[in-house]
């Protein structure tokens, strides 16, 4: 399986759009978004690359872009 992590923002946006087509990414809170990302198959946190608000904002925008 192809692993990805927090810095793979575009990949995460694509995965979320594919797995949650009924969900409006604008309405998802950051704690919920973080939980959705960590539940994705193939996702793995890397030591030294924690999640932060800026990364979550970028993921949310990538998800919005994928839906358009």
N, C-alpha and C. Protein backbone atom coordinates (compact mmCIF):
# COMPACT_ATOMS: atom_id res chain seq x y z
N UNK A 1 0.84 -1.18 0.00
CA UNK A 1 0.00 0.00 0.00
C UNK A 1 0.89 1.25 0.00
N UNK A 2 0.48 2.22 -0.71
CA UNK A 2 1.21 3.47 -0.83
C UNK A 2 0.92 4.36 0.37
N UNK A 3 1.90 4.58 1.24
CA UNK A 3 1.73 5.38 2.45
C UNK A 3 1.80 6.88 2.16
N UNK A 4 1.10 7.66 2.94
CA UNK A 4 1.16 9.11 2.84
C UNK A 4 1.02 9.69 4.24
N UNK A 5 1.36 10.99 4.40
CA UNK A 5 1.38 11.62 5.72
C UNK A 5 0.85 13.04 5.62
N UNK A 6 0.92 13.79 6.73
CA UNK A 6 0.32 15.11 6.82
C UNK A 6 0.75 16.07 5.72
N UNK A 7 1.96 15.97 5.24
CA UNK A 7 2.43 16.91 4.22
C UNK A 7 1.95 16.57 2.82
N UNK A 8 1.29 15.44 2.65
CA UNK A 8 0.73 15.04 1.36
C UNK A 8 -0.69 15.59 1.23
N UNK A 9 -0.79 16.90 1.29
CA UNK A 9 -2.06 17.61 1.36
C UNK A 9 -2.97 17.27 0.17
N UNK A 10 -2.44 17.32 -1.04
CA UNK A 10 -3.25 17.05 -2.23
C UNK A 10 -3.79 15.63 -2.21
N UNK A 11 -2.96 14.69 -1.89
CA UNK A 11 -3.38 13.28 -1.82
C UNK A 11 -4.50 13.11 -0.79
N UNK A 12 -4.34 13.74 0.36
CA UNK A 12 -5.36 13.64 1.40
C UNK A 12 -6.67 14.25 0.92
N UNK A 13 -6.61 15.40 0.26
CA UNK A 13 -7.82 16.02 -0.29
C UNK A 13 -8.53 15.10 -1.27
N UNK A 14 -7.76 14.44 -2.12
CA UNK A 14 -8.34 13.49 -3.09
C UNK A 14 -8.99 12.32 -2.38
N UNK A 15 -8.29 11.77 -1.40
CA UNK A 15 -8.82 10.63 -0.65
C UNK A 15 -10.12 10.99 0.08
N UNK A 16 -10.14 12.16 0.70
CA UNK A 16 -11.35 12.58 1.43
C UNK A 16 -12.51 12.80 0.47
N UNK A 17 -12.26 13.41 -0.68
CA UNK A 17 -13.32 13.64 -1.66
C UNK A 17 -13.89 12.32 -2.16
N UNK A 18 -13.02 11.34 -2.35
CA UNK A 18 -13.45 10.04 -2.85
C UNK A 18 -14.22 9.26 -1.78
N UNK A 19 -13.77 9.30 -0.56
CA UNK A 19 -14.36 8.49 0.51
C UNK A 19 -15.55 9.15 1.21
N UNK A 20 -15.67 10.48 1.09
CA UNK A 20 -16.75 11.20 1.77
C UNK A 20 -17.43 12.19 0.80
N UNK A 21 -17.99 11.67 -0.29
CA UNK A 21 -18.58 12.57 -1.30
C UNK A 21 -19.80 13.34 -0.79
N UNK A 22 -20.46 12.83 0.23
CA UNK A 22 -21.66 13.47 0.76
C UNK A 22 -21.35 14.56 1.78
N UNK A 23 -20.09 14.66 2.19
CA UNK A 23 -19.70 15.60 3.24
C UNK A 23 -19.23 16.91 2.64
N UNK A 24 -19.74 18.02 3.19
CA UNK A 24 -19.31 19.35 2.79
C UNK A 24 -18.07 19.70 3.60
N UNK A 25 -16.90 19.79 2.97
CA UNK A 25 -15.67 20.03 3.72
C UNK A 25 -15.67 21.36 4.48
N UNK A 26 -16.45 22.32 4.04
CA UNK A 26 -16.50 23.62 4.72
C UNK A 26 -17.14 23.48 6.10
N UNK A 27 -18.03 22.51 6.26
CA UNK A 27 -18.75 22.34 7.53
C UNK A 27 -18.02 21.43 8.52
N UNK A 28 -16.88 20.88 8.12
CA UNK A 28 -16.15 19.94 8.98
C UNK A 28 -15.21 20.70 9.92
N UNK A 29 -15.34 20.44 11.21
CA UNK A 29 -14.44 21.08 12.19
C UNK A 29 -13.04 20.48 12.07
N UNK A 30 -12.06 21.20 12.56
CA UNK A 30 -10.69 20.70 12.48
C UNK A 30 -10.49 19.41 13.28
N UNK A 31 -11.07 19.26 14.47
CA UNK A 31 -10.91 17.97 15.16
C UNK A 31 -11.52 16.81 14.37
N UNK A 32 -12.66 17.06 13.73
CA UNK A 32 -13.28 16.01 12.91
C UNK A 32 -12.43 15.74 11.67
N UNK A 33 -11.93 16.79 11.05
CA UNK A 33 -11.08 16.62 9.87
C UNK A 33 -9.84 15.79 10.21
N UNK A 34 -9.24 16.10 11.33
CA UNK A 34 -8.06 15.34 11.76
C UNK A 34 -8.40 13.86 11.94
N UNK A 35 -9.56 13.58 12.53
CA UNK A 35 -9.99 12.20 12.73
C UNK A 35 -10.26 11.51 11.39
N UNK A 36 -10.86 12.22 10.44
CA UNK A 36 -11.13 11.64 9.12
C UNK A 36 -9.82 11.29 8.41
N UNK A 37 -8.84 12.18 8.53
CA UNK A 37 -7.54 11.95 7.87
C UNK A 37 -6.83 10.76 8.49
N UNK A 38 -6.78 10.71 9.80
CA UNK A 38 -6.05 9.62 10.45
C UNK A 38 -6.72 8.27 10.22
N UNK A 39 -8.00 8.27 9.85
CA UNK A 39 -8.71 7.03 9.57
C UNK A 39 -8.53 6.55 8.13
N UNK A 40 -7.92 7.36 7.28
CA UNK A 40 -7.74 6.97 5.88
C UNK A 40 -6.76 5.80 5.76
N UNK A 41 -7.13 4.79 4.96
CA UNK A 41 -6.19 3.69 4.73
C UNK A 41 -4.91 4.22 4.07
N UNK A 42 -3.78 3.83 4.59
CA UNK A 42 -2.51 4.25 4.03
C UNK A 42 -1.92 5.47 4.71
N UNK A 43 -2.71 6.14 5.56
CA UNK A 43 -2.19 7.31 6.25
C UNK A 43 -1.32 6.88 7.42
N UNK A 44 -0.18 7.54 7.57
CA UNK A 44 0.70 7.27 8.70
C UNK A 44 1.42 8.56 9.08
N UNK A 45 1.35 8.90 10.35
CA UNK A 45 2.09 10.09 10.82
C UNK A 45 3.57 9.78 10.82
N UNK A 46 4.37 10.76 10.42
CA UNK A 46 5.82 10.62 10.45
C UNK A 46 6.36 11.35 11.67
N UNK A 47 7.33 10.78 12.34
CA UNK A 47 7.96 11.49 13.45
C UNK A 47 8.52 12.83 12.98
N UNK A 48 8.27 13.86 13.73
CA UNK A 48 8.77 15.17 13.36
C UNK A 48 7.87 15.93 12.41
N UNK A 49 6.76 15.36 12.00
CA UNK A 49 5.81 16.02 11.10
C UNK A 49 4.41 15.97 11.68
N UNK A 50 4.20 16.66 12.80
CA UNK A 50 2.88 16.64 13.41
C UNK A 50 1.89 17.51 12.63
N UNK A 51 0.64 17.33 12.93
CA UNK A 51 -0.42 18.11 12.31
C UNK A 51 -0.56 19.44 13.06
N UNK A 52 -0.91 20.49 12.32
CA UNK A 52 -1.22 21.77 12.94
C UNK A 52 -2.35 22.43 12.17
N UNK A 53 -2.81 23.58 12.65
CA UNK A 53 -3.95 24.25 12.03
C UNK A 53 -3.68 24.63 10.57
N UNK A 54 -2.48 25.04 10.28
CA UNK A 54 -2.13 25.42 8.90
C UNK A 54 -2.25 24.22 7.95
N UNK A 55 -1.79 23.08 8.38
CA UNK A 55 -1.90 21.87 7.56
C UNK A 55 -3.37 21.49 7.37
N UNK A 56 -4.14 21.56 8.45
CA UNK A 56 -5.56 21.23 8.34
C UNK A 56 -6.29 22.19 7.40
N UNK A 57 -5.93 23.47 7.43
CA UNK A 57 -6.52 24.43 6.50
C UNK A 57 -6.19 24.07 5.05
N UNK A 58 -4.95 23.69 4.80
CA UNK A 58 -4.53 23.30 3.46
C UNK A 58 -5.25 22.04 3.00
N UNK A 59 -5.43 21.09 3.91
CA UNK A 59 -6.15 19.85 3.57
C UNK A 59 -7.61 20.18 3.25
N UNK A 60 -8.22 21.02 4.08
CA UNK A 60 -9.61 21.40 3.85
C UNK A 60 -9.75 22.07 2.47
N UNK A 61 -8.82 22.95 2.12
CA UNK A 61 -8.88 23.62 0.82
C UNK A 61 -8.68 22.62 -0.33
N UNK A 62 -7.77 21.68 -0.16
CA UNK A 62 -7.56 20.66 -1.20
C UNK A 62 -8.82 19.83 -1.38
N UNK A 63 -9.51 19.51 -0.30
CA UNK A 63 -10.75 18.75 -0.37
C UNK A 63 -11.82 19.56 -1.09
N UNK A 64 -11.93 20.84 -0.77
CA UNK A 64 -12.88 21.73 -1.46
C UNK A 64 -12.58 21.76 -2.94
N UNK A 65 -11.31 21.93 -3.30
CA UNK A 65 -10.90 21.99 -4.70
C UNK A 65 -11.24 20.70 -5.44
N UNK A 66 -11.09 19.57 -4.79
CA UNK A 66 -11.39 18.28 -5.41
C UNK A 66 -12.89 18.14 -5.71
N UNK A 67 -13.71 18.73 -4.90
CA UNK A 67 -15.15 18.64 -5.09
C UNK A 67 -15.64 19.52 -6.22
N UNK A 68 -14.88 20.52 -6.59
CA UNK A 68 -15.31 21.47 -7.63
C UNK A 68 -15.03 20.98 -9.02
